[in-house]
Amino acid sequence: MNAHFNPEMVAIILASAVATYVTRIGGYVLIRKMKNIPPRMEAALNAVPAAVLTTLVAPAFFAGGIEVKIALAVSLLAGMRLSTIPMLLAGWAVAVAIRHFGG
């Protein structure tokens, strides 16, 4: 047997893929069968982007160095005035500049 092939890992990856697919398609099927979306469900769906953003930003903030924290702060400030792409570029440029010039 190949040393790089691990059947348990393949099973975990396949199970994760199936679980991801079922949850994604399940939500689509559920909403498609509804004639109208209840207000509580609509509120929950409207909260999803903020929840996803939080799950992406929080680990970077707590695990990253000072350059990440400064870049996130710049992105937050830029996001109040600019659209998405300029906001991302501002944060990226700050992180790159600090890493390059700060050592």
N, C-alpha and C. Protein backbone atom coordinates (compact mmCIF):
# COMPACT_ATOMS: atom_id res chain seq x y z
N MET A 1 0.85 -1.18 0.00
CA MET A 1 0.00 0.00 0.00
C MET A 1 0.89 1.24 0.00
N ASN A 2 0.47 2.27 -0.70
CA ASN A 2 1.22 3.52 -0.79
C ASN A 2 1.21 4.21 0.57
N ALA A 3 2.35 4.74 0.97
CA ALA A 3 2.46 5.41 2.27
C ALA A 3 1.66 6.69 2.32
N HIS A 4 1.33 7.28 1.16
CA HIS A 4 0.60 8.53 1.12
C HIS A 4 -0.91 8.31 1.05
N PHE A 5 -1.35 7.11 0.85
CA PHE A 5 -2.78 6.81 0.76
C PHE A 5 -3.28 6.35 2.12
N ASN A 6 -4.23 7.07 2.67
CA ASN A 6 -4.79 6.75 3.97
C ASN A 6 -6.30 6.57 3.79
N PRO A 7 -6.82 5.35 3.87
CA PRO A 7 -8.25 5.11 3.63
C PRO A 7 -9.15 5.87 4.61
N GLU A 8 -8.71 6.03 5.85
CA GLU A 8 -9.52 6.77 6.82
C GLU A 8 -9.67 8.23 6.41
N MET A 9 -8.58 8.80 5.91
CA MET A 9 -8.63 10.20 5.47
C MET A 9 -9.53 10.35 4.26
N VAL A 10 -9.47 9.40 3.34
CA VAL A 10 -10.35 9.44 2.17
C VAL A 10 -11.81 9.35 2.62
N ALA A 11 -12.10 8.49 3.58
CA ALA A 11 -13.48 8.37 4.09
C ALA A 11 -13.94 9.67 4.74
N ILE A 12 -13.06 10.32 5.49
CA ILE A 12 -13.41 11.60 6.13
C ILE A 12 -13.68 12.66 5.07
N ILE A 13 -12.84 12.72 4.06
CA ILE A 13 -13.03 13.71 2.99
C ILE A 13 -14.34 13.46 2.25
N LEU A 14 -14.62 12.22 1.93
CA LEU A 14 -15.88 11.90 1.23
C LEU A 14 -17.10 12.20 2.11
N ALA A 15 -17.03 11.86 3.38
CA ALA A 15 -18.14 12.15 4.29
C ALA A 15 -18.35 13.66 4.42
N SER A 16 -17.27 14.41 4.48
CA SER A 16 -17.38 15.87 4.55
C SER A 16 -17.99 16.43 3.28
N ALA A 17 -17.60 15.89 2.14
CA ALA A 17 -18.16 16.35 0.87
C ALA A 17 -19.65 16.06 0.80
N VAL A 18 -20.05 14.88 1.23
CA VAL A 18 -21.48 14.54 1.21
C VAL A 18 -22.25 15.43 2.17
N ALA A 19 -21.73 15.65 3.37
CA ALA A 19 -22.41 16.50 4.35
C ALA A 19 -22.54 17.93 3.84
N THR A 20 -21.50 18.44 3.21
CA THR A 20 -21.56 19.79 2.65
C THR A 20 -22.60 19.87 1.55
N TYR A 21 -22.60 18.89 0.66
CA TYR A 21 -23.56 18.88 -0.44
C TYR A 21 -24.99 18.79 0.08
N VAL A 22 -25.24 17.91 1.04
CA VAL A 22 -26.60 17.73 1.56
C VAL A 22 -27.09 19.00 2.24
N THR A 23 -26.24 19.67 3.01
CA THR A 23 -26.69 20.89 3.67
C THR A 23 -26.94 22.01 2.67
N ARG A 24 -26.12 22.10 1.65
CA ARG A 24 -26.33 23.14 0.64
C ARG A 24 -27.58 22.88 -0.19
N ILE A 25 -27.73 21.69 -0.68
CA ILE A 25 -28.89 21.38 -1.52
C ILE A 25 -30.16 21.34 -0.69
N GLY A 26 -30.05 20.94 0.59
CA GLY A 26 -31.21 20.88 1.46
C GLY A 26 -31.83 22.25 1.67
N GLY A 27 -30.99 23.26 1.89
CA GLY A 27 -31.50 24.63 2.04
C GLY A 27 -32.15 25.12 0.77
N TYR A 28 -31.55 24.83 -0.36
CA TYR A 28 -32.12 25.24 -1.64
C TYR A 28 -33.48 24.59 -1.87
N VAL A 29 -33.57 23.29 -1.62
CA VAL A 29 -34.83 22.57 -1.82
C VAL A 29 -35.90 23.09 -0.87
N LEU A 30 -35.53 23.33 0.39
CA LEU A 30 -36.48 23.83 1.37
C LEU A 30 -37.04 25.19 0.97
N ILE A 31 -36.19 26.10 0.58
CA ILE A 31 -36.65 27.44 0.22
C ILE A 31 -37.42 27.42 -1.09
N ARG A 32 -37.02 26.59 -2.01
CA ARG A 32 -37.70 26.54 -3.31
C ARG A 32 -39.14 26.06 -3.18
N LYS A 33 -39.41 25.18 -2.22
CA LYS A 33 -40.75 24.65 -2.05
C LYS A 33 -41.69 25.64 -1.35
N MET A 34 -41.13 26.67 -0.73
CA MET A 34 -41.96 27.67 -0.03
C MET A 34 -42.54 28.67 -1.01
N LYS A 35 -43.77 29.06 -0.75
CA LYS A 35 -44.38 30.11 -1.58
C LYS A 35 -43.84 31.48 -1.18
N ASN A 36 -43.67 31.69 0.12
CA ASN A 36 -43.02 32.92 0.60
C ASN A 36 -42.16 32.56 1.81
N ILE A 37 -41.14 33.34 2.02
CA ILE A 37 -40.18 33.07 3.09
C ILE A 37 -40.68 33.77 4.36
N PRO A 38 -40.80 33.03 5.47
CA PRO A 38 -41.23 33.65 6.72
C PRO A 38 -40.23 34.72 7.17
N PRO A 39 -40.72 35.75 7.87
CA PRO A 39 -39.82 36.85 8.28
C PRO A 39 -38.63 36.41 9.13
N ARG A 40 -38.83 35.44 10.01
CA ARG A 40 -37.70 34.99 10.84
C ARG A 40 -36.64 34.30 10.00
N MET A 41 -37.06 33.52 9.00
CA MET A 41 -36.10 32.86 8.13
C MET A 41 -35.38 33.89 7.28
N GLU A 42 -36.10 34.89 6.81
CA GLU A 42 -35.46 35.94 6.01
C GLU A 42 -34.43 36.69 6.85
N ALA A 43 -34.75 36.96 8.12
CA ALA A 43 -33.80 37.63 9.01
C ALA A 43 -32.56 36.76 9.22
N ALA A 44 -32.77 35.46 9.38
CA ALA A 44 -31.64 34.55 9.55
C ALA A 44 -30.77 34.51 8.30
N LEU A 45 -31.39 34.48 7.14
CA LEU A 45 -30.62 34.46 5.89
C LEU A 45 -29.87 35.77 5.68
N ASN A 46 -30.47 36.87 6.11
CA ASN A 46 -29.78 38.15 5.99
C ASN A 46 -28.58 38.24 6.92
N ALA A 47 -28.56 37.46 8.00
CA ALA A 47 -27.44 37.48 8.94
C ALA A 47 -26.28 36.60 8.49
N VAL A 48 -26.47 35.77 7.50
CA VAL A 48 -25.42 34.83 7.07
C VAL A 48 -24.14 35.54 6.59
N PRO A 49 -24.22 36.58 5.76
CA PRO A 49 -22.96 37.21 5.32
C PRO A 49 -22.12 37.74 6.48
N ALA A 50 -22.75 38.35 7.47
CA ALA A 50 -21.99 38.85 8.62
C ALA A 50 -21.37 37.70 9.40
N ALA A 51 -22.09 36.59 9.53
CA ALA A 51 -21.56 35.44 10.25
C ALA A 51 -20.37 34.84 9.52
N VAL A 52 -20.46 34.75 8.21
CA VAL A 52 -19.35 34.21 7.42
C VAL A 52 -18.14 35.14 7.51
N LEU A 53 -18.37 36.43 7.41
CA LEU A 53 -17.27 37.38 7.52
C LEU A 53 -16.59 37.27 8.88
N THR A 54 -17.38 37.11 9.92
CA THR A 54 -16.81 36.98 11.25
C THR A 54 -15.95 35.74 11.37
N THR A 55 -16.40 34.63 10.79
CA THR A 55 -15.61 33.40 10.87
C THR A 55 -14.31 33.49 10.08
N LEU A 56 -14.25 34.39 9.11
CA LEU A 56 -13.02 34.58 8.35
C LEU A 56 -12.07 35.56 9.01
N VAL A 57 -12.63 36.62 9.60
CA VAL A 57 -11.80 37.69 10.14
C VAL A 57 -11.31 37.39 11.55
N ALA A 58 -12.14 36.83 12.40
CA ALA A 58 -11.77 36.62 13.81
C ALA A 58 -10.51 35.76 13.97
N PRO A 59 -10.40 34.62 13.30
CA PRO A 59 -9.15 33.84 13.48
C PRO A 59 -7.91 34.60 13.02
N ALA A 60 -8.03 35.34 11.92
CA ALA A 60 -6.89 36.12 11.44
C ALA A 60 -6.51 37.19 12.46
N PHE A 61 -7.50 37.82 13.05
CA PHE A 61 -7.22 38.86 14.03
C PHE A 61 -6.50 38.31 15.25
N PHE A 62 -6.98 37.18 15.78
CA PHE A 62 -6.40 36.64 17.01
C PHE A 62 -5.11 35.86 16.78
N ALA A 63 -4.95 35.26 15.61
CA ALA A 63 -3.75 34.46 15.35
C ALA A 63 -2.67 35.26 14.62
N GLY A 64 -3.06 36.34 13.96
CA GLY A 64 -2.10 37.11 13.17
C GLY A 64 -1.27 38.06 14.02
N GLY A 65 -0.27 38.57 13.40
CA GLY A 65 0.62 39.52 14.07
C GLY A 65 0.06 40.93 14.02
N ILE A 66 0.88 41.87 14.42
CA ILE A 66 0.45 43.26 14.47
C ILE A 66 0.10 43.79 13.09
N GLU A 67 0.82 43.30 12.05
CA GLU A 67 0.52 43.76 10.70
C GLU A 67 -0.88 43.35 10.26
N VAL A 68 -1.33 42.19 10.70
CA VAL A 68 -2.68 41.74 10.37
C VAL A 68 -3.71 42.60 11.07
N LYS A 69 -3.47 42.92 12.33
CA LYS A 69 -4.40 43.76 13.08
C LYS A 69 -4.50 45.16 12.47
N ILE A 70 -3.36 45.72 12.09
CA ILE A 70 -3.37 47.05 11.46
C ILE A 70 -4.07 46.98 10.11
N ALA A 71 -3.79 45.94 9.31
CA ALA A 71 -4.44 45.79 8.01
C ALA A 71 -5.95 45.63 8.16
N LEU A 72 -6.38 44.88 9.16
CA LEU A 72 -7.82 44.73 9.39
C LEU A 72 -8.45 46.06 9.81
N ALA A 73 -7.75 46.83 10.62
CA ALA A 73 -8.27 48.13 11.03
C ALA A 73 -8.38 49.07 9.83
N VAL A 74 -7.36 49.05 8.97
CA VAL A 74 -7.40 49.88 7.75
C VAL A 74 -8.54 49.42 6.85
N SER A 75 -8.72 48.11 6.73
CA SER A 75 -9.82 47.59 5.91
C SER A 75 -11.17 48.00 6.46
N LEU A 76 -11.30 47.98 7.77
CA LEU A 76 -12.56 48.41 8.40
C LEU A 76 -12.84 49.86 8.07
N LEU A 77 -11.84 50.71 8.24
CA LEU A 77 -12.03 52.13 7.94
C LEU A 77 -12.28 52.36 6.45
N ALA A 78 -11.55 51.66 5.60
CA ALA A 78 -11.75 51.81 4.15
C ALA A 78 -13.12 51.29 3.75
N GLY A 79 -13.58 50.24 4.40
CA GLY A 79 -14.89 49.67 4.07
C GLY A 79 -16.04 50.60 4.37
N MET A 80 -15.81 51.57 5.25
CA MET A 80 -16.86 52.55 5.56
C MET A 80 -17.02 53.58 4.44
N ARG A 81 -16.00 53.72 3.61
CA ARG A 81 -16.03 54.72 2.55
C ARG A 81 -15.96 54.15 1.14
N LEU A 82 -15.35 52.99 1.00
CA LEU A 82 -15.08 52.44 -0.33
C LEU A 82 -15.87 51.17 -0.58
N SER A 83 -15.88 50.73 -1.82
CA SER A 83 -16.52 49.46 -2.15
C SER A 83 -15.59 48.30 -1.78
N THR A 84 -16.00 47.10 -2.08
CA THR A 84 -15.30 45.90 -1.61
C THR A 84 -13.87 45.78 -2.12
N ILE A 85 -13.67 45.90 -3.42
CA ILE A 85 -12.33 45.68 -3.98
C ILE A 85 -11.32 46.71 -3.47
N PRO A 86 -11.63 48.01 -3.49
CA PRO A 86 -10.67 48.96 -2.92
C PRO A 86 -10.40 48.71 -1.43
N MET A 87 -11.42 48.27 -0.69
CA MET A 87 -11.23 47.96 0.72
C MET A 87 -10.23 46.81 0.88
N LEU A 88 -10.42 45.75 0.10
CA LEU A 88 -9.50 44.61 0.16
C LEU A 88 -8.09 45.01 -0.24
N LEU A 89 -7.98 45.82 -1.29
CA LEU A 89 -6.66 46.26 -1.74
C LEU A 89 -5.97 47.12 -0.69
N ALA A 90 -6.73 47.96 0.00
CA ALA A 90 -6.13 48.81 1.04
C ALA A 90 -5.57 47.95 2.17
N GLY A 91 -6.36 46.99 2.64
CA GLY A 91 -5.88 46.11 3.71
C GLY A 91 -4.68 45.29 3.27
N TRP A 92 -4.76 44.76 2.07
CA TRP A 92 -3.65 43.95 1.53
C TRP A 92 -2.38 44.79 1.42
N ALA A 93 -2.51 46.01 0.87
CA ALA A 93 -1.34 46.87 0.68
C ALA A 93 -0.69 47.22 2.02
N VAL A 94 -1.50 47.47 3.03
CA VAL A 94 -0.95 47.79 4.34
C VAL A 94 -0.20 46.59 4.92
N ALA A 95 -0.79 45.42 4.83
CA ALA A 95 -0.13 44.22 5.36
C ALA A 95 1.18 43.94 4.63
N VAL A 96 1.17 44.07 3.30
CA VAL A 96 2.38 43.84 2.51
C VAL A 96 3.45 44.87 2.86
N ALA A 97 3.05 46.15 2.97
CA ALA A 97 4.02 47.21 3.28
C ALA A 97 4.65 47.00 4.65
N ILE A 98 3.82 46.66 5.63
CA ILE A 98 4.36 46.44 6.97
C ILE A 98 5.31 45.25 6.98
N ARG A 99 4.93 44.17 6.30
CA ARG A 99 5.79 42.99 6.27
C ARG A 99 7.09 43.27 5.52
N HIS A 100 7.00 44.07 4.46
CA HIS A 100 8.20 44.35 3.66
C HIS A 100 9.14 45.32 4.38
N PHE A 101 8.59 46.43 4.87
CA PHE A 101 9.44 47.46 5.46
C PHE A 101 9.68 47.25 6.96
N GLY A 102 8.77 46.52 7.59
CA GLY A 102 8.90 46.30 9.03
C GLY A 102 9.78 45.12 9.39
N GLY A 103 10.07 44.31 8.40
CA GLY A 103 10.97 43.19 8.68
C GLY A 103 10.21 42.02 9.07
